[in-house]
Each structure stands twice: as C-alpha cells, then as structure tokens.
Amino acid sequence: MSAIKQHRRILGDAIRSERKKAGLSQEKLAEKAGLSTVFISRVELAKESPSVDSLVKIARAMRVRVCELVKDF
C-alpha cells in the first residue's frame, strides 16, 4: 500500500472513530459540516482525501481538533 493510501486509511478510520464517539451518523455529520453524505463515506473508506477546509469542517462538526484526526500519521 502506498504511503498516500495508508494516510487516507488512517484518516478515514480516525474520522469514523471520532464520529461514532460523538454519536453521529454519516448523514448528521455531513449536515453539521455542510458536506455531502457521499463525501463523508468516501473519506471514511479512504477513497477520497478531504481538503484542509473540509477537514476543518469535519473536525468542528465533531467538536474535535484537527490534530486529533491526524495524530497517527
């Protein structure tokens, strides 16, 4: 697995974990972040990389810091 794909997987897993801790569905997270449910799903499945802006929106919607989502890089 390439380093980029591995980082996408780590980030997707972190977002999924924090989303579940926050008690949010993908739909609710997408709504709170102003993003699409399909996009949230693709990020969690490591099929798409979020922009910095999208990552900030996701983190804020879950009330976590971005550094918590990327700490395992």
PDB file of N, CA and C in Angstrom:
ATOM      1  N   MET A   1       0.853  -1.178   0.000  1.00  0.00           N
ATOM      2  CA  MET A   1       0.000   0.000   0.000  1.00  0.00           C
ATOM      3  C   MET A   1       0.895   1.236   0.000  1.00  0.00           C
ATOM      4  N   SER A   2       0.583   2.186  -0.863  1.00  0.00           N
ATOM      5  CA  SER A   2       1.388   3.408  -0.924  1.00  0.00           C
ATOM      6  C   SER A   2       1.179   4.238   0.338  1.00  0.00           C
ATOM      7  N   ALA A   3       2.126   5.115   0.608  1.00  0.00           N
ATOM      8  CA  ALA A   3       2.047   5.967   1.797  1.00  0.00           C
ATOM      9  C   ALA A   3       0.801   6.844   1.764  1.00  0.00           C
ATOM     10  N   ILE A   4       0.458   7.353   0.592  1.00  0.00           N
ATOM     11  CA  ILE A   4      -0.730   8.211   0.471  1.00  0.00           C
ATOM     12  C   ILE A   4      -1.989   7.423   0.819  1.00  0.00           C
ATOM     13  N   LYS A   5      -2.116   6.224   0.275  1.00  0.00           N
ATOM     14  CA  LYS A   5      -3.288   5.397   0.565  1.00  0.00           C
ATOM     15  C   LYS A   5      -3.345   5.039   2.047  1.00  0.00           C
ATOM     16  N   GLN A   6      -2.180   4.767   2.624  1.00  0.00           N
ATOM     17  CA  GLN A   6      -2.136   4.433   4.046  1.00  0.00           C
ATOM     18  C   GLN A   6      -2.586   5.626   4.890  1.00  0.00           C
ATOM     19  N   HIS A   7      -2.144   6.827   4.539  1.00  0.00           N
ATOM     20  CA  HIS A   7      -2.567   8.019   5.280  1.00  0.00           C
ATOM     21  C   HIS A   7      -4.068   8.259   5.122  1.00  0.00           C
ATOM     22  N   ARG A   8      -4.597   8.022   3.923  1.00  0.00           N
ATOM     23  CA  ARG A   8      -6.046   8.159   3.718  1.00  0.00           C
ATOM     24  C   ARG A   8      -6.804   7.176   4.596  1.00  0.00           C
ATOM     25  N   ARG A   9      -6.303   5.956   4.700  1.00  0.00           N
ATOM     26  CA  ARG A   9      -6.958   4.939   5.532  1.00  0.00           C
ATOM     27  C   ARG A   9      -6.921   5.336   6.999  1.00  0.00           C
ATOM     28  N   ILE A  10      -5.752   5.796   7.471  1.00  0.00           N
ATOM     29  CA  ILE A  10      -5.614   6.221   8.866  1.00  0.00           C
ATOM     30  C   ILE A  10      -6.568   7.373   9.167  1.00  0.00           C
ATOM     31  N   LEU A  11      -6.623   8.350   8.265  1.00  0.00           N
ATOM     32  CA  LEU A  11      -7.508   9.499   8.464  1.00  0.00           C
ATOM     33  C   LEU A  11      -8.971   9.065   8.446  1.00  0.00           C
ATOM     34  N   GLY A  12      -9.336   8.234   7.500  1.00  0.00           N
ATOM     35  CA  GLY A  12     -10.716   7.749   7.426  1.00  0.00           C
ATOM     36  C   GLY A  12     -11.129   6.996   8.678  1.00  0.00           C
ATOM     37  N   ASP A  13     -10.234   6.153   9.180  1.00  0.00           N
ATOM     38  CA  ASP A  13     -10.511   5.409  10.415  1.00  0.00           C
ATOM     39  C   ASP A  13     -10.668   6.356  11.598  1.00  0.00           C
ATOM     40  N   ALA A  14      -9.827   7.391  11.660  1.00  0.00           N
ATOM     41  CA  ALA A  14      -9.899   8.358  12.760  1.00  0.00           C
ATOM     42  C   ALA A  14     -11.209   9.140  12.712  1.00  0.00           C
ATOM     43  N   ILE A  15     -11.606   9.549  11.529  1.00  0.00           N
ATOM     44  CA  ILE A  15     -12.869  10.290  11.392  1.00  0.00           C
ATOM     45  C   ILE A  15     -14.040   9.398  11.792  1.00  0.00           C
ATOM     46  N   ARG A  16     -14.052   8.168  11.324  1.00  0.00           N
ATOM     47  CA  ARG A  16     -15.130   7.232  11.682  1.00  0.00           C
ATOM     48  C   ARG A  16     -15.179   7.021  13.193  1.00  0.00           C
ATOM     49  N   SER A  17     -14.028   6.811  13.802  1.00  0.00           N
ATOM     50  CA  SER A  17     -13.968   6.585  15.243  1.00  0.00           C
ATOM     51  C   SER A  17     -14.499   7.791  16.021  1.00  0.00           C
ATOM     52  N   GLU A  18     -14.046   8.980  15.662  1.00  0.00           N
ATOM     53  CA  GLU A  18     -14.499  10.191  16.356  1.00  0.00           C
ATOM     54  C   GLU A  18     -15.982  10.459  16.096  1.00  0.00           C
ATOM     55  N   ARG A  19     -16.436  10.166  14.893  1.00  0.00           N
ATOM     56  CA  ARG A  19     -17.857  10.344  14.567  1.00  0.00           C
ATOM     57  C   ARG A  19     -18.714   9.449  15.447  1.00  0.00           C
ATOM     58  N   LYS A  20     -18.296   8.201  15.597  1.00  0.00           N
ATOM     59  CA  LYS A  20     -19.053   7.269  16.435  1.00  0.00           C
ATOM     60  C   LYS A  20     -19.003   7.682  17.901  1.00  0.00           C
ATOM     61  N   LYS A  21     -17.840   8.149  18.372  1.00  0.00           N
ATOM     62  CA  LYS A  21     -17.736   8.650  19.755  1.00  0.00           C
ATOM     63  C   LYS A  21     -18.698   9.804  19.986  1.00  0.00           C
ATOM     64  N   ALA A  22     -18.867  10.632  18.964  1.00  0.00           N
ATOM     65  CA  ALA A  22     -19.757  11.795  19.064  1.00  0.00           C
ATOM     66  C   ALA A  22     -21.226  11.400  18.900  1.00  0.00           C
ATOM     67  N   GLY A  23     -21.480  10.139  18.582  1.00  0.00           N
ATOM     68  CA  GLY A  23     -22.849   9.669  18.415  1.00  0.00           C
ATOM     69  C   GLY A  23     -23.521  10.195  17.160  1.00  0.00           C
ATOM     70  N   LEU A  24     -22.718  10.434  16.126  1.00  0.00           N
ATOM     71  CA  LEU A  24     -23.237  10.992  14.881  1.00  0.00           C
ATOM     72  C   LEU A  24     -23.278   9.943  13.777  1.00  0.00           C
ATOM     73  N   SER A  25     -24.323   9.973  12.993  1.00  0.00           N
ATOM     74  CA  SER A  25     -24.364   9.171  11.769  1.00  0.00           C
ATOM     75  C   SER A  25     -23.583   9.928  10.699  1.00  0.00           C
ATOM     76  N   GLN A  26     -23.278   9.256   9.608  1.00  0.00           N
ATOM     77  CA  GLN A  26     -22.623   9.952   8.499  1.00  0.00           C
ATOM     78  C   GLN A  26     -23.511  11.086   7.996  1.00  0.00           C
ATOM     79  N   GLU A  27     -24.801  10.841   7.966  1.00  0.00           N
ATOM     80  CA  GLU A  27     -25.739  11.860   7.496  1.00  0.00           C
ATOM     81  C   GLU A  27     -25.712  13.094   8.388  1.00  0.00           C
ATOM     82  N   LYS A  28     -25.728  12.884   9.705  1.00  0.00           N
ATOM     83  CA  LYS A  28     -25.738  14.007  10.644  1.00  0.00           C
ATOM     84  C   LYS A  28     -24.412  14.757  10.595  1.00  0.00           C
ATOM     85  N   LEU A  29     -23.301  14.035  10.506  1.00  0.00           N
ATOM     86  CA  LEU A  29     -22.001  14.694  10.392  1.00  0.00           C
ATOM     87  C   LEU A  29     -21.951  15.533   9.122  1.00  0.00           C
ATOM     88  N   ALA A  30     -22.404  14.973   8.023  1.00  0.00           N
ATOM     89  CA  ALA A  30     -22.403  15.705   6.752  1.00  0.00           C
ATOM     90  C   ALA A  30     -23.228  16.983   6.866  1.00  0.00           C
ATOM     91  N   GLU A  31     -24.389  16.870   7.472  1.00  0.00           N
ATOM     92  CA  GLU A  31     -25.263  18.035   7.650  1.00  0.00           C
ATOM     93  C   GLU A  31     -24.579  19.109   8.500  1.00  0.00           C
ATOM     94  N   LYS A  32     -24.006  18.697   9.628  1.00  0.00           N
ATOM     95  CA  LYS A  32     -23.351  19.652  10.529  1.00  0.00           C
ATOM     96  C   LYS A  32     -22.125  20.297   9.891  1.00  0.00           C
ATOM     97  N   ALA A  33     -21.426  19.546   9.042  1.00  0.00           N
ATOM     98  CA  ALA A  33     -20.207  20.049   8.407  1.00  0.00           C
ATOM     99  C   ALA A  33     -20.486  20.785   7.098  1.00  0.00           C
ATOM    100  N   GLY A  34     -21.705  20.688   6.601  1.00  0.00           N
ATOM    101  CA  GLY A  34     -22.027  21.319   5.322  1.00  0.00           C
ATOM    102  C   GLY A  34     -21.419  20.588   4.137  1.00  0.00           C
ATOM    103  N   LEU A  35     -21.296  19.277   4.271  1.00  0.00           N
ATOM    104  CA  LEU A  35     -20.716  18.438   3.225  1.00  0.00           C
ATOM    105  C   LEU A  35     -21.720  17.352   2.857  1.00  0.00           C
ATOM    106  N   SER A  36     -21.456  16.619   1.801  1.00  0.00           N
ATOM    107  CA  SER A  36     -22.389  15.560   1.404  1.00  0.00           C
ATOM    108  C   SER A  36     -22.103  14.264   2.162  1.00  0.00           C
ATOM    109  N   THR A  37     -23.149  13.483   2.326  1.00  0.00           N
ATOM    110  CA  THR A  37     -23.010  12.173   2.959  1.00  0.00           C
ATOM    111  C   THR A  37     -22.093  11.278   2.134  1.00  0.00           C
ATOM    112  N   VAL A  38     -22.203  11.353   0.828  1.00  0.00           N
ATOM    113  CA  VAL A  38     -21.344  10.554  -0.058  1.00  0.00           C
ATOM    114  C   VAL A  38     -19.881  10.911   0.183  1.00  0.00           C
ATOM    115  N   PHE A  39     -19.579  12.197   0.332  1.00  0.00           N
ATOM    116  CA  PHE A  39     -18.202  12.624   0.575  1.00  0.00           C
ATOM    117  C   PHE A  39     -17.690  12.062   1.904  1.00  0.00           C
ATOM    118  N   ILE A  40     -18.483  12.165   2.962  1.00  0.00           N
ATOM    119  CA  ILE A  40     -18.078  11.633   4.273  1.00  0.00           C
ATOM    120  C   ILE A  40     -17.801  10.140   4.152  1.00  0.00           C
ATOM    121  N   SER A  41     -18.673   9.416   3.483  1.00  0.00           N
ATOM    122  CA  SER A  41     -18.486   7.981   3.293  1.00  0.00           C
ATOM    123  C   SER A  41     -17.194   7.688   2.543  1.00  0.00           C
ATOM    124  N   ARG A  42     -16.948   8.411   1.465  1.00  0.00           N
ATOM    125  CA  ARG A  42     -15.737   8.180   0.659  1.00  0.00           C
ATOM    126  C   ARG A  42     -14.473   8.489   1.458  1.00  0.00           C
ATOM    127  N   VAL A  43     -14.510   9.506   2.303  1.00  0.00           N
ATOM    128  CA  VAL A  43     -13.345   9.827   3.141  1.00  0.00           C
ATOM    129  C   VAL A  43     -13.124   8.705   4.151  1.00  0.00           C
ATOM    130  N   GLU A  44     -14.186   8.257   4.813  1.00  0.00           N
ATOM    131  CA  GLU A  44     -14.057   7.185   5.804  1.00  0.00           C
ATOM    132  C   GLU A  44     -13.569   5.884   5.174  1.00  0.00           C
ATOM    133  N   LEU A  45     -13.924   5.649   3.927  1.00  0.00           N
ATOM    134  CA  LEU A  45     -13.499   4.430   3.228  1.00  0.00           C
ATOM    135  C   LEU A  45     -12.151   4.589   2.524  1.00  0.00           C
ATOM    136  N   ALA A  46     -11.500   5.725   2.736  1.00  0.00           N
ATOM    137  CA  ALA A  46     -10.181   6.022   2.154  1.00  0.00           C
ATOM    138  C   ALA A  46     -10.219   6.069   0.629  1.00  0.00           C
ATOM    139  N   LYS A  47     -11.365   6.433   0.081  1.00  0.00           N
ATOM    140  CA  LYS A  47     -11.483   6.559  -1.372  1.00  0.00           C
ATOM    141  C   LYS A  47     -11.274   7.992  -1.832  1.00  0.00           C
ATOM    142  N   GLU A  48     -11.284   8.926  -0.883  1.00  0.00           N
ATOM    143  CA  GLU A  48     -11.114  10.336  -1.219  1.00  0.00           C
ATOM    144  C   GLU A  48     -10.400  11.032  -0.069  1.00  0.00           C
ATOM    145  N   SER A  49      -9.572  12.003  -0.410  1.00  0.00           N
ATOM    146  CA  SER A  49      -8.869  12.803   0.596  1.00  0.00           C
ATOM    147  C   SER A  49      -9.573  14.144   0.745  1.00  0.00           C
ATOM    148  N   PRO A  50      -9.876  14.538   1.980  1.00  0.00           N
ATOM    149  CA  PRO A  50     -10.517  15.840   2.162  1.00  0.00           C
ATOM    150  C   PRO A  50      -9.509  16.969   2.005  1.00  0.00           C
ATOM    151  N   SER A  51      -9.988  18.112   1.534  1.00  0.00           N
ATOM    152  CA  SER A  51      -9.145  19.312   1.529  1.00  0.00           C
ATOM    153  C   SER A  51      -8.961  19.756   2.978  1.00  0.00           C
ATOM    154  N   VAL A  52      -8.048  20.666   3.194  1.00  0.00           N
ATOM    155  CA  VAL A  52      -7.853  21.202   4.546  1.00  0.00           C
ATOM    156  C   VAL A  52      -9.152  21.839   5.027  1.00  0.00           C
ATOM    157  N   ASP A  53      -9.813  22.598   4.165  1.00  0.00           N
ATOM    158  CA  ASP A  53     -11.077  23.240   4.543  1.00  0.00           C
ATOM    159  C   ASP A  53     -12.121  22.206   4.963  1.00  0.00           C
ATOM    160  N   SER A  54     -12.241  21.137   4.199  1.00  0.00           N
ATOM    161  CA  SER A  54     -13.213  20.091   4.537  1.00  0.00           C
ATOM    162  C   SER A  54     -12.838  19.386   5.828  1.00  0.00           C
ATOM    163  N   LEU A  55     -11.558  19.153   6.034  1.00  0.00           N
ATOM    164  CA  LEU A  55     -11.108  18.506   7.260  1.00  0.00           C
ATOM    165  C   LEU A  55     -11.435  19.373   8.473  1.00  0.00           C
ATOM    166  N   VAL A  56     -11.247  20.674   8.352  1.00  0.00           N
ATOM    167  CA  VAL A  56     -11.589  21.593   9.444  1.00  0.00           C
ATOM    168  C   VAL A  56     -13.095  21.550   9.708  1.00  0.00           C
ATOM    169  N   LYS A  57     -13.905  21.545   8.666  1.00  0.00           N
ATOM    170  CA  LYS A  57     -15.360  21.479   8.829  1.00  0.00           C
ATOM    171  C   LYS A  57     -15.775  20.191   9.540  1.00  0.00           C
ATOM    172  N   ILE A  58     -15.160  19.081   9.151  1.00  0.00           N
ATOM    173  CA  ILE A  58     -15.466  17.788   9.766  1.00  0.00           C
ATOM    174  C   ILE A  58     -15.085  17.808  11.242  1.00  0.00           C
ATOM    175  N   ALA A  59     -13.891  18.281  11.535  1.00  0.00           N
ATOM    176  CA  ALA A  59     -13.429  18.332  12.925  1.00  0.00           C
ATOM    177  C   ALA A  59     -14.341  19.220  13.769  1.00  0.00           C
ATOM    178  N   ARG A  60     -14.664  20.393  13.276  1.00  0.00           N
ATOM    179  CA  ARG A  60     -15.535  21.314  14.031  1.00  0.00           C
ATOM    180  C   ARG A  60     -16.910  20.706  14.268  1.00  0.00           C
ATOM    181  N   ALA A  61     -17.436  20.015  13.269  1.00  0.00           N
ATOM    182  CA  ALA A  61     -18.755  19.395  13.408  1.00  0.00           C
ATOM    183  C   ALA A  61     -18.760  18.333  14.504  1.00  0.00           C
ATOM    184  N   MET A  62     -17.600  17.700  14.723  1.00  0.00           N
ATOM    185  CA  MET A  62     -17.490  16.671  15.762  1.00  0.00           C
ATOM    186  C   MET A  62     -16.934  17.232  17.067  1.00  0.00           C
ATOM    187  N   ARG A  63     -16.591  18.529  17.046  1.00  0.00           N
ATOM    188  CA  ARG A  63     -16.023  19.212  18.215  1.00  0.00           C
ATOM    189  C   ARG A  63     -14.717  18.572  18.678  1.00  0.00           C
ATOM    190  N   VAL A  64     -13.867  18.280  17.694  1.00  0.00           N
ATOM    191  CA  VAL A  64     -12.513  17.801  17.975  1.00  0.00           C
ATOM    192  C   VAL A  64     -11.538  18.683  17.212  1.00  0.00           C
ATOM    193  N   ARG A  65     -10.291  18.637  17.619  1.00  0.00           N
ATOM    194  CA  ARG A  65      -9.256  19.393  16.925  1.00  0.00           C
ATOM    195  C   ARG A  65      -8.737  18.559  15.757  1.00  0.00           C
ATOM    196  N   VAL A  66      -8.358  19.244  14.686  1.00  0.00           N
ATOM    197  CA  VAL A  66      -7.822  18.554  13.510  1.00  0.00           C
ATOM    198  C   VAL A  66      -6.642  17.670  13.908  1.00  0.00           C
ATOM    199  N   CYS A  67      -5.816  18.149  14.828  1.00  0.00           N
ATOM    200  CA  CYS A  67      -4.637  17.361  15.226  1.00  0.00           C
ATOM    201  C   CYS A  67      -5.031  16.009  15.819  1.00  0.00           C
ATOM    202  N   GLU A  68      -6.226  15.902  16.386  1.00  0.00           N
ATOM    203  CA  GLU A  68      -6.687  14.613  16.903  1.00  0.00           C
ATOM    204  C   GLU A  68      -6.956  13.627  15.769  1.00  0.00           C
ATOM    205  N   LEU A  69      -7.316  14.144  14.626  1.00  0.00           N
ATOM    206  CA  LEU A  69      -7.624  13.279  13.486  1.00  0.00           C
ATOM    207  C   LEU A  69      -6.375  12.830  12.736  1.00  0.00           C
ATOM    208  N   VAL A  70      -5.297  13.574  12.865  1.00  0.00           N
ATOM    209  CA  VAL A  70      -4.073  13.251  12.116  1.00  0.00           C
ATOM    210  C   VAL A  70      -2.919  12.833  13.023  1.00  0.00           C
ATOM    211  N   LYS A  71      -3.196  12.601  14.282  1.00  0.00           N
ATOM    212  CA  LYS A  71      -2.125  12.302  15.243  1.00  0.00           C
ATOM    213  C   LYS A  71      -1.391  10.994  14.956  1.00  0.00           C
ATOM    214  N   ASP A  72      -2.001  10.074  14.226  1.00  0.00           N
ATOM    215  CA  ASP A  72      -1.370   8.775  13.967  1.00  0.00           C
ATOM    216  C   ASP A  72      -0.604   8.714  12.650  1.00  0.00           C
ATOM    217  N   PHE A  73      -0.406   9.857  12.011  1.00  0.00           N
ATOM    218  CA  PHE A  73       0.346   9.888  10.746  1.00  0.00           C
ATOM    219  C   PHE A  73       1.802   9.628  11.003  1.00  0.00           C
TER     220      PHE A  73
END
